[in-house]
């Protein structure tokens, strides 16, 4: 799928998809703001030690990215498909932090047992699917496959 195809609304999304897209955007805005303020230490616990940057810088940069992505989900409806793919890619990119928190047995965000940290790992694919579904990115991808195979 080309960037042009992803940035153009191929199919309309439903009202429920729009509500979920906006809710995800608000959630990302909140998470991004919390990265920069009251939950900075908690997020620092999720930065893998192998990342070659200062952990606090990673937290700040990911917080800024979340604010931008959250705002894009809410305000860039015309480009919702492209934004959906970018948000999904972001969720994939930060997944190693969740894995590191589990493997290194780091307590953060109330995840104080191995079981809780392990269960948390299953929520990242849900976020990826949420981003793709709520923005119509899956629909656009599927429609482009149908056109190519016709």
N, C-alpha and C. Protein backbone atom coordinates (compact mmCIF):
# COMPACT_ATOMS: atom_id res chain seq x y z
N UNK A 1 0.85 -1.17 0.00
CA UNK A 1 0.00 0.00 0.00
C UNK A 1 0.90 1.24 0.00
N UNK A 2 0.60 2.17 -0.86
CA UNK A 2 1.40 3.38 -0.95
C UNK A 2 1.00 4.38 0.12
N UNK A 3 1.87 5.35 0.36
CA UNK A 3 1.56 6.40 1.33
C UNK A 3 0.32 7.16 0.91
N UNK A 4 0.18 7.38 -0.38
CA UNK A 4 -1.00 8.10 -0.87
C UNK A 4 -2.27 7.32 -0.57
N UNK A 5 -2.25 6.01 -0.79
CA UNK A 5 -3.42 5.19 -0.49
C UNK A 5 -3.73 5.20 0.99
N UNK A 6 -2.70 5.13 1.85
CA UNK A 6 -2.92 5.10 3.28
C UNK A 6 -3.44 6.43 3.81
N UNK A 7 -3.11 7.52 3.16
CA UNK A 7 -3.50 8.84 3.67
C UNK A 7 -4.88 9.26 3.19
N UNK A 8 -5.43 8.54 2.23
CA UNK A 8 -6.75 8.89 1.73
C UNK A 8 -7.80 7.99 2.35
N UNK A 9 -8.90 8.57 2.80
CA UNK A 9 -9.95 7.73 3.36
C UNK A 9 -10.54 6.83 2.27
N UNK A 10 -10.30 5.55 2.37
CA UNK A 10 -10.79 4.60 1.39
C UNK A 10 -12.24 4.26 1.70
N UNK A 11 -12.51 3.97 2.94
CA UNK A 11 -13.85 3.62 3.38
C UNK A 11 -14.18 4.46 4.61
N UNK A 12 -15.45 4.70 4.79
CA UNK A 12 -15.86 5.41 6.01
C UNK A 12 -15.74 4.47 7.19
N UNK A 13 -15.43 5.04 8.32
CA UNK A 13 -15.45 4.25 9.54
C UNK A 13 -16.78 4.48 10.24
N UNK A 14 -17.14 3.54 11.06
CA UNK A 14 -18.41 3.63 11.79
C UNK A 14 -18.28 4.61 12.94
N UNK A 15 -19.39 4.96 13.50
CA UNK A 15 -19.40 5.86 14.66
C UNK A 15 -18.63 5.22 15.83
N UNK A 16 -18.80 3.92 16.02
CA UNK A 16 -18.10 3.24 17.12
C UNK A 16 -16.59 3.24 16.88
N UNK A 17 -16.16 3.08 15.62
CA UNK A 17 -14.74 3.16 15.32
C UNK A 17 -14.21 4.56 15.61
N UNK A 18 -14.98 5.56 15.24
CA UNK A 18 -14.57 6.94 15.50
C UNK A 18 -14.45 7.21 16.99
N UNK A 19 -15.41 6.73 17.76
CA UNK A 19 -15.37 6.90 19.22
C UNK A 19 -14.12 6.23 19.79
N UNK A 20 -13.85 5.01 19.34
CA UNK A 20 -12.66 4.29 19.83
C UNK A 20 -11.37 4.97 19.38
N UNK A 21 -11.35 5.54 18.18
CA UNK A 21 -10.17 6.26 17.69
C UNK A 21 -9.90 7.48 18.55
N UNK A 22 -10.95 8.24 18.84
CA UNK A 22 -10.79 9.44 19.66
C UNK A 22 -10.39 9.05 21.09
N UNK A 23 -10.99 8.00 21.62
CA UNK A 23 -10.63 7.54 22.97
C UNK A 23 -9.16 7.12 23.02
N UNK A 24 -8.70 6.41 21.99
CA UNK A 24 -7.30 6.03 21.94
C UNK A 24 -6.42 7.28 21.86
N UNK A 25 -6.85 8.28 21.10
CA UNK A 25 -6.11 9.53 21.01
C UNK A 25 -6.01 10.23 22.35
N UNK A 26 -7.12 10.30 23.06
CA UNK A 26 -7.12 10.93 24.39
C UNK A 26 -6.22 10.14 25.34
N UNK A 27 -6.28 8.82 25.25
CA UNK A 27 -5.43 7.98 26.10
C UNK A 27 -3.95 8.22 25.82
N UNK A 28 -3.60 8.34 24.54
CA UNK A 28 -2.20 8.63 24.20
C UNK A 28 -1.78 10.02 24.67
N UNK A 29 -2.67 10.99 24.54
CA UNK A 29 -2.36 12.33 25.06
C UNK A 29 -2.08 12.27 26.56
N UNK A 30 -2.94 11.57 27.29
CA UNK A 30 -2.76 11.44 28.74
C UNK A 30 -1.44 10.73 29.06
N UNK A 31 -1.18 9.62 28.36
CA UNK A 31 0.06 8.88 28.60
C UNK A 31 1.28 9.74 28.29
N UNK A 32 1.21 10.49 27.18
CA UNK A 32 2.33 11.36 26.82
C UNK A 32 2.59 12.43 27.86
N UNK A 33 1.53 13.04 28.34
CA UNK A 33 1.67 14.06 29.39
C UNK A 33 2.21 13.44 30.67
N UNK A 34 1.76 12.23 30.98
CA UNK A 34 2.25 11.57 32.20
C UNK A 34 3.73 11.19 32.06
N UNK A 35 4.19 10.90 30.83
CA UNK A 35 5.61 10.66 30.60
C UNK A 35 6.44 11.86 31.03
N UNK A 36 5.91 13.04 30.77
CA UNK A 36 6.67 14.27 31.01
C UNK A 36 6.47 14.82 32.41
N UNK A 37 5.53 14.27 33.16
CA UNK A 37 5.21 14.85 34.48
C UNK A 37 5.20 13.79 35.57
N UNK A 38 4.04 13.41 36.03
CA UNK A 38 3.89 12.65 37.27
C UNK A 38 4.29 11.17 37.20
N UNK A 39 4.37 10.56 36.02
CA UNK A 39 4.70 9.13 35.93
C UNK A 39 6.05 8.89 35.28
N UNK A 40 6.88 9.88 35.28
CA UNK A 40 8.17 9.78 34.60
C UNK A 40 9.02 8.63 35.14
N UNK A 41 9.06 8.46 36.44
CA UNK A 41 9.84 7.40 37.06
C UNK A 41 9.30 6.03 36.68
N UNK A 42 7.98 5.90 36.66
CA UNK A 42 7.35 4.64 36.29
C UNK A 42 7.72 4.26 34.85
N UNK A 43 7.67 5.23 33.95
CA UNK A 43 8.02 4.96 32.56
C UNK A 43 9.51 4.66 32.41
N UNK A 44 10.33 5.30 33.23
CA UNK A 44 11.77 5.04 33.19
C UNK A 44 12.07 3.58 33.49
N UNK A 45 11.25 2.96 34.33
CA UNK A 45 11.43 1.55 34.68
C UNK A 45 11.23 0.63 33.48
N UNK A 46 10.56 1.11 32.45
CA UNK A 46 10.28 0.28 31.29
C UNK A 46 11.32 0.44 30.17
N UNK A 47 12.25 1.34 30.33
CA UNK A 47 13.27 1.53 29.30
C UNK A 47 14.31 0.41 29.44
N UNK A 48 14.46 -0.42 28.42
CA UNK A 48 15.44 -1.51 28.51
C UNK A 48 16.86 -0.97 28.69
N UNK A 49 17.65 -1.69 29.46
CA UNK A 49 19.01 -1.24 29.74
C UNK A 49 19.88 -1.26 28.49
N UNK A 50 19.53 -2.05 27.49
CA UNK A 50 20.33 -2.14 26.28
C UNK A 50 20.11 -0.97 25.32
N UNK A 51 19.11 -0.12 25.60
CA UNK A 51 18.87 1.04 24.73
C UNK A 51 20.06 2.00 24.88
N UNK A 52 20.69 2.38 23.75
CA UNK A 52 21.92 3.17 23.83
C UNK A 52 21.72 4.66 24.08
N UNK A 53 20.59 5.04 24.63
CA UNK A 53 20.31 6.44 24.97
C UNK A 53 20.02 6.55 26.45
N UNK A 54 20.16 7.76 26.98
CA UNK A 54 19.80 8.02 28.36
C UNK A 54 18.32 7.67 28.55
N UNK A 55 18.02 6.92 29.60
CA UNK A 55 16.65 6.47 29.85
C UNK A 55 15.66 7.61 29.96
N UNK A 56 16.05 8.68 30.64
CA UNK A 56 15.15 9.82 30.78
C UNK A 56 14.85 10.46 29.43
N UNK A 57 15.84 10.52 28.56
CA UNK A 57 15.63 11.06 27.21
C UNK A 57 14.64 10.18 26.45
N UNK A 58 14.75 8.88 26.58
CA UNK A 58 13.82 7.96 25.93
C UNK A 58 12.39 8.21 26.43
N UNK A 59 12.25 8.40 27.73
CA UNK A 59 10.93 8.65 28.30
C UNK A 59 10.36 9.97 27.76
N UNK A 60 11.16 10.99 27.71
CA UNK A 60 10.71 12.30 27.21
C UNK A 60 10.34 12.19 25.73
N UNK A 61 11.20 11.58 24.92
CA UNK A 61 10.93 11.47 23.49
C UNK A 61 9.68 10.62 23.21
N UNK A 62 9.53 9.53 23.94
CA UNK A 62 8.34 8.71 23.73
C UNK A 62 7.09 9.43 24.21
N UNK A 63 7.22 10.24 25.25
CA UNK A 63 6.09 11.05 25.71
C UNK A 63 5.68 12.08 24.66
N UNK A 64 6.64 12.73 24.07
CA UNK A 64 6.35 13.70 23.00
C UNK A 64 5.70 12.99 21.82
N UNK A 65 6.23 11.82 21.47
CA UNK A 65 5.64 11.04 20.36
C UNK A 65 4.20 10.68 20.68
N UNK A 66 3.92 10.27 21.91
CA UNK A 66 2.55 9.91 22.28
C UNK A 66 1.62 11.12 22.20
N UNK A 67 2.09 12.27 22.60
CA UNK A 67 1.26 13.48 22.51
C UNK A 67 0.94 13.79 21.05
N UNK A 68 1.95 13.72 20.19
CA UNK A 68 1.74 13.99 18.76
C UNK A 68 0.80 12.96 18.16
N UNK A 69 1.01 11.69 18.46
CA UNK A 69 0.16 10.65 17.91
C UNK A 69 -1.27 10.75 18.43
N UNK A 70 -1.42 11.06 19.70
CA UNK A 70 -2.76 11.23 20.26
C UNK A 70 -3.50 12.38 19.59
N UNK A 71 -2.81 13.48 19.42
CA UNK A 71 -3.41 14.64 18.75
C UNK A 71 -3.76 14.30 17.30
N UNK A 72 -2.89 13.54 16.63
CA UNK A 72 -3.15 13.14 15.25
C UNK A 72 -4.37 12.24 15.15
N UNK A 73 -4.52 11.31 16.08
CA UNK A 73 -5.70 10.44 16.07
C UNK A 73 -6.98 11.25 16.21
N UNK A 74 -6.93 12.29 17.01
CA UNK A 74 -8.12 13.11 17.24
C UNK A 74 -8.34 14.11 16.11
N UNK A 75 -7.28 14.76 15.66
CA UNK A 75 -7.44 15.90 14.77
C UNK A 75 -7.19 15.69 13.29
N UNK A 76 -6.60 14.58 12.93
CA UNK A 76 -6.26 14.36 11.52
C UNK A 76 -7.12 13.26 10.91
N UNK A 77 -8.42 13.40 11.04
CA UNK A 77 -9.34 12.39 10.52
C UNK A 77 -9.15 12.09 9.06
N UNK A 78 -8.78 13.08 8.29
CA UNK A 78 -8.57 12.89 6.86
C UNK A 78 -7.43 11.91 6.58
N UNK A 79 -6.46 11.90 7.48
CA UNK A 79 -5.28 11.04 7.33
C UNK A 79 -5.31 9.88 8.33
N UNK A 80 -6.49 9.52 8.77
CA UNK A 80 -6.65 8.54 9.84
C UNK A 80 -6.01 7.20 9.52
N UNK A 81 -6.05 6.78 8.25
CA UNK A 81 -5.47 5.48 7.88
C UNK A 81 -3.96 5.51 8.08
N UNK A 82 -3.31 6.53 7.58
CA UNK A 82 -1.86 6.67 7.75
C UNK A 82 -1.52 6.78 9.23
N UNK A 83 -2.27 7.58 9.96
CA UNK A 83 -2.04 7.74 11.40
C UNK A 83 -2.21 6.39 12.10
N UNK A 84 -3.20 5.62 11.70
CA UNK A 84 -3.41 4.30 12.29
C UNK A 84 -2.20 3.40 12.14
N UNK A 85 -1.61 3.39 10.94
CA UNK A 85 -0.41 2.57 10.72
C UNK A 85 0.76 3.08 11.55
N UNK A 86 0.91 4.40 11.66
CA UNK A 86 2.02 4.96 12.44
C UNK A 86 1.84 4.65 13.93
N UNK A 87 0.62 4.78 14.44
CA UNK A 87 0.36 4.46 15.84
C UNK A 87 0.62 2.98 16.10
N UNK A 88 0.17 2.12 15.21
CA UNK A 88 0.42 0.69 15.37
C UNK A 88 1.93 0.40 15.38
N UNK A 89 2.67 1.05 14.49
CA UNK A 89 4.12 0.86 14.45
C UNK A 89 4.76 1.36 15.75
N UNK A 90 4.26 2.45 16.29
CA UNK A 90 4.77 2.96 17.57
C UNK A 90 4.55 1.93 18.67
N UNK A 91 3.36 1.34 18.71
CA UNK A 91 3.08 0.32 19.73
C UNK A 91 4.00 -0.89 19.58
N UNK A 92 4.33 -1.24 18.36
CA UNK A 92 5.28 -2.32 18.13
C UNK A 92 6.67 -1.90 18.63
N UNK A 93 7.06 -0.66 18.35
CA UNK A 93 8.39 -0.17 18.72
C UNK A 93 8.61 -0.11 20.22
N UNK A 94 7.56 0.17 20.98
CA UNK A 94 7.74 0.29 22.43
C UNK A 94 7.52 -1.03 23.17
N UNK A 95 7.10 -2.06 22.44
CA UNK A 95 6.86 -3.36 23.06
C UNK A 95 8.08 -3.93 23.77
N UNK A 96 9.30 -3.75 23.25
CA UNK A 96 10.47 -4.26 23.98
C UNK A 96 10.57 -3.71 25.41
N UNK A 97 10.06 -2.52 25.65
CA UNK A 97 10.06 -1.99 27.01
C UNK A 97 9.20 -2.83 27.94
N UNK A 98 8.06 -3.28 27.45
CA UNK A 98 7.19 -4.13 28.26
C UNK A 98 7.84 -5.50 28.49
N UNK A 99 8.50 -6.01 27.45
CA UNK A 99 9.19 -7.29 27.59
C UNK A 99 10.33 -7.16 28.60
N UNK A 100 11.09 -6.06 28.51
CA UNK A 100 12.19 -5.84 29.45
C UNK A 100 11.68 -5.73 30.88
N UNK A 101 10.54 -5.07 31.06
CA UNK A 101 9.98 -4.95 32.41
C UNK A 101 9.67 -6.33 32.96
N UNK A 102 9.14 -7.21 32.12
CA UNK A 102 8.84 -8.58 32.55
C UNK A 102 10.12 -9.37 32.83
N UNK A 103 11.04 -9.37 31.87
CA UNK A 103 12.26 -10.18 32.00
C UNK A 103 13.15 -9.72 33.16
N UNK A 104 13.19 -8.40 33.39
CA UNK A 104 14.04 -7.86 34.45
C UNK A 104 13.32 -7.74 35.78
N UNK A 105 12.06 -8.16 35.82
CA UNK A 105 11.24 -8.15 37.04
C UNK A 105 11.20 -6.76 37.69
N UNK A 106 10.94 -5.76 36.85
CA UNK A 106 10.90 -4.38 37.32
C UNK A 106 9.46 -4.01 37.70
N UNK A 107 9.30 -3.54 38.93
CA UNK A 107 7.99 -3.11 39.40
C UNK A 107 7.70 -1.70 38.90
N UNK A 108 6.56 -1.53 38.26
CA UNK A 108 6.11 -0.21 37.80
C UNK A 108 4.64 -0.31 37.44
N UNK A 109 3.92 0.76 37.62
CA UNK A 109 2.50 0.84 37.27
C UNK A 109 1.67 -0.21 37.99
N UNK A 110 2.06 -0.56 39.19
CA UNK A 110 1.31 -1.55 39.94
C UNK A 110 1.58 -2.98 39.52
N UNK A 111 2.46 -3.16 38.56
CA UNK A 111 2.81 -4.51 38.11
C UNK A 111 3.96 -5.01 38.98
N UNK A 112 3.62 -5.66 40.08
CA UNK A 112 4.62 -6.03 41.07
C UNK A 112 4.84 -7.53 41.17
N UNK A 113 4.22 -8.28 40.26
CA UNK A 113 4.46 -9.72 40.21
C UNK A 113 4.81 -10.12 38.79
N UNK A 114 5.51 -11.24 38.68
CA UNK A 114 5.82 -11.74 37.34
C UNK A 114 4.55 -12.03 36.56
N UNK A 115 3.56 -12.56 37.23
CA UNK A 115 2.29 -12.88 36.56
C UNK A 115 1.63 -11.61 36.00
N UNK A 116 1.59 -10.55 36.78
CA UNK A 116 0.98 -9.30 36.31
C UNK A 116 1.76 -8.71 35.14
N UNK A 117 3.08 -8.75 35.24
CA UNK A 117 3.91 -8.23 34.14
C UNK A 117 3.74 -9.09 32.88
N UNK A 118 3.58 -10.39 33.05
CA UNK A 118 3.38 -11.28 31.91
C UNK A 118 2.02 -11.02 31.25
N UNK A 119 0.99 -10.89 32.03
CA UNK A 119 -0.35 -10.61 31.49
C UNK A 119 -0.35 -9.30 30.73
N UNK A 120 0.39 -8.32 31.21
CA UNK A 120 0.49 -7.01 30.56
C UNK A 120 0.98 -7.14 29.12
N UNK A 121 1.82 -8.12 28.86
CA UNK A 121 2.37 -8.31 27.51
C UNK A 121 1.27 -8.55 26.48
N UNK A 122 0.17 -9.14 26.90
CA UNK A 122 -0.90 -9.45 25.96
C UNK A 122 -1.75 -8.23 25.59
N UNK A 123 -1.57 -7.13 26.28
CA UNK A 123 -2.34 -5.93 25.96
C UNK A 123 -1.74 -5.14 24.80
N UNK A 124 -0.46 -5.31 24.53
CA UNK A 124 0.16 -4.56 23.42
C UNK A 124 -0.43 -4.96 22.07
N UNK A 125 -0.62 -6.25 21.79
CA UNK A 125 -1.29 -6.60 20.53
C UNK A 125 -2.71 -6.04 20.46
N UNK A 126 -3.38 -5.93 21.58
CA UNK A 126 -4.73 -5.34 21.59
C UNK A 126 -4.64 -3.87 21.17
N UNK A 127 -3.65 -3.14 21.68
CA UNK A 127 -3.48 -1.74 21.29
C UNK A 127 -3.17 -1.60 19.81
N UNK A 128 -2.35 -2.50 19.29
CA UNK A 128 -2.01 -2.47 17.87
C UNK A 128 -3.27 -2.69 17.03
N UNK A 129 -4.04 -3.71 17.40
CA UNK A 129 -5.28 -4.00 16.68
C UNK A 129 -6.27 -2.83 16.81
N UNK A 130 -6.34 -2.23 17.98
CA UNK A 130 -7.23 -1.09 18.22
C UNK A 130 -6.88 0.05 17.28
N UNK A 131 -5.60 0.37 17.17
CA UNK A 131 -5.17 1.46 16.29
C UNK A 131 -5.54 1.18 14.84
N UNK A 132 -5.32 -0.03 14.39
CA UNK A 132 -5.60 -0.38 13.00
C UNK A 132 -7.10 -0.45 12.71
N UNK A 133 -7.86 -0.99 13.64
CA UNK A 133 -9.31 -1.11 13.44
C UNK A 133 -10.00 0.25 13.52
N UNK A 134 -9.70 1.01 14.56
CA UNK A 134 -10.44 2.26 14.80
C UNK A 134 -10.17 3.33 13.75
N UNK A 135 -9.05 3.24 13.06
CA UNK A 135 -8.73 4.23 12.02
C UNK A 135 -9.14 3.77 10.63
N UNK A 136 -9.61 2.55 10.53
CA UNK A 136 -9.97 2.01 9.23
C UNK A 136 -8.76 1.53 8.43
N UNK A 137 -7.61 1.44 9.08
CA UNK A 137 -6.39 1.03 8.38
C UNK A 137 -6.52 -0.40 7.85
N UNK A 138 -7.08 -1.28 8.65
CA UNK A 138 -7.29 -2.65 8.17
C UNK A 138 -8.23 -2.68 6.97
N UNK A 139 -9.31 -1.90 7.08
CA UNK A 139 -10.27 -1.84 5.97
C UNK A 139 -9.59 -1.34 4.70
N UNK A 140 -8.79 -0.31 4.83
CA UNK A 140 -8.10 0.26 3.67
C UNK A 140 -7.12 -0.75 3.08
N UNK A 141 -6.40 -1.45 3.94
CA UNK A 141 -5.46 -2.46 3.47
C UNK A 141 -6.20 -3.58 2.75
N UNK A 142 -7.28 -4.04 3.35
CA UNK A 142 -8.06 -5.12 2.74
C UNK A 142 -8.64 -4.67 1.40
N UNK A 143 -9.16 -3.45 1.34
CA UNK A 143 -9.72 -2.93 0.09
C UNK A 143 -8.65 -2.83 -0.98
N UNK A 144 -7.45 -2.41 -0.62
CA UNK A 144 -6.37 -2.31 -1.60
C UNK A 144 -5.98 -3.69 -2.12
N UNK A 145 -6.05 -4.71 -1.29
CA UNK A 145 -5.75 -6.09 -1.72
C UNK A 145 -6.83 -6.58 -2.69
N UNK A 146 -8.06 -6.21 -2.42
CA UNK A 146 -9.16 -6.62 -3.29
C UNK A 146 -9.02 -5.99 -4.68
N UNK A 147 -8.63 -4.72 -4.70
CA UNK A 147 -8.46 -4.02 -5.97
C UNK A 147 -7.33 -4.64 -6.77
N UNK A 148 -6.21 -4.94 -6.09
CA UNK A 148 -5.05 -5.52 -6.77
C UNK A 148 -5.34 -6.92 -7.31
N UNK A 149 -6.17 -7.67 -6.61
CA UNK A 149 -6.44 -9.03 -7.06
C UNK A 149 -7.54 -9.10 -8.12
N UNK A 150 -8.23 -7.99 -8.33
CA UNK A 150 -9.32 -7.98 -9.33
C UNK A 150 -8.83 -7.81 -10.74
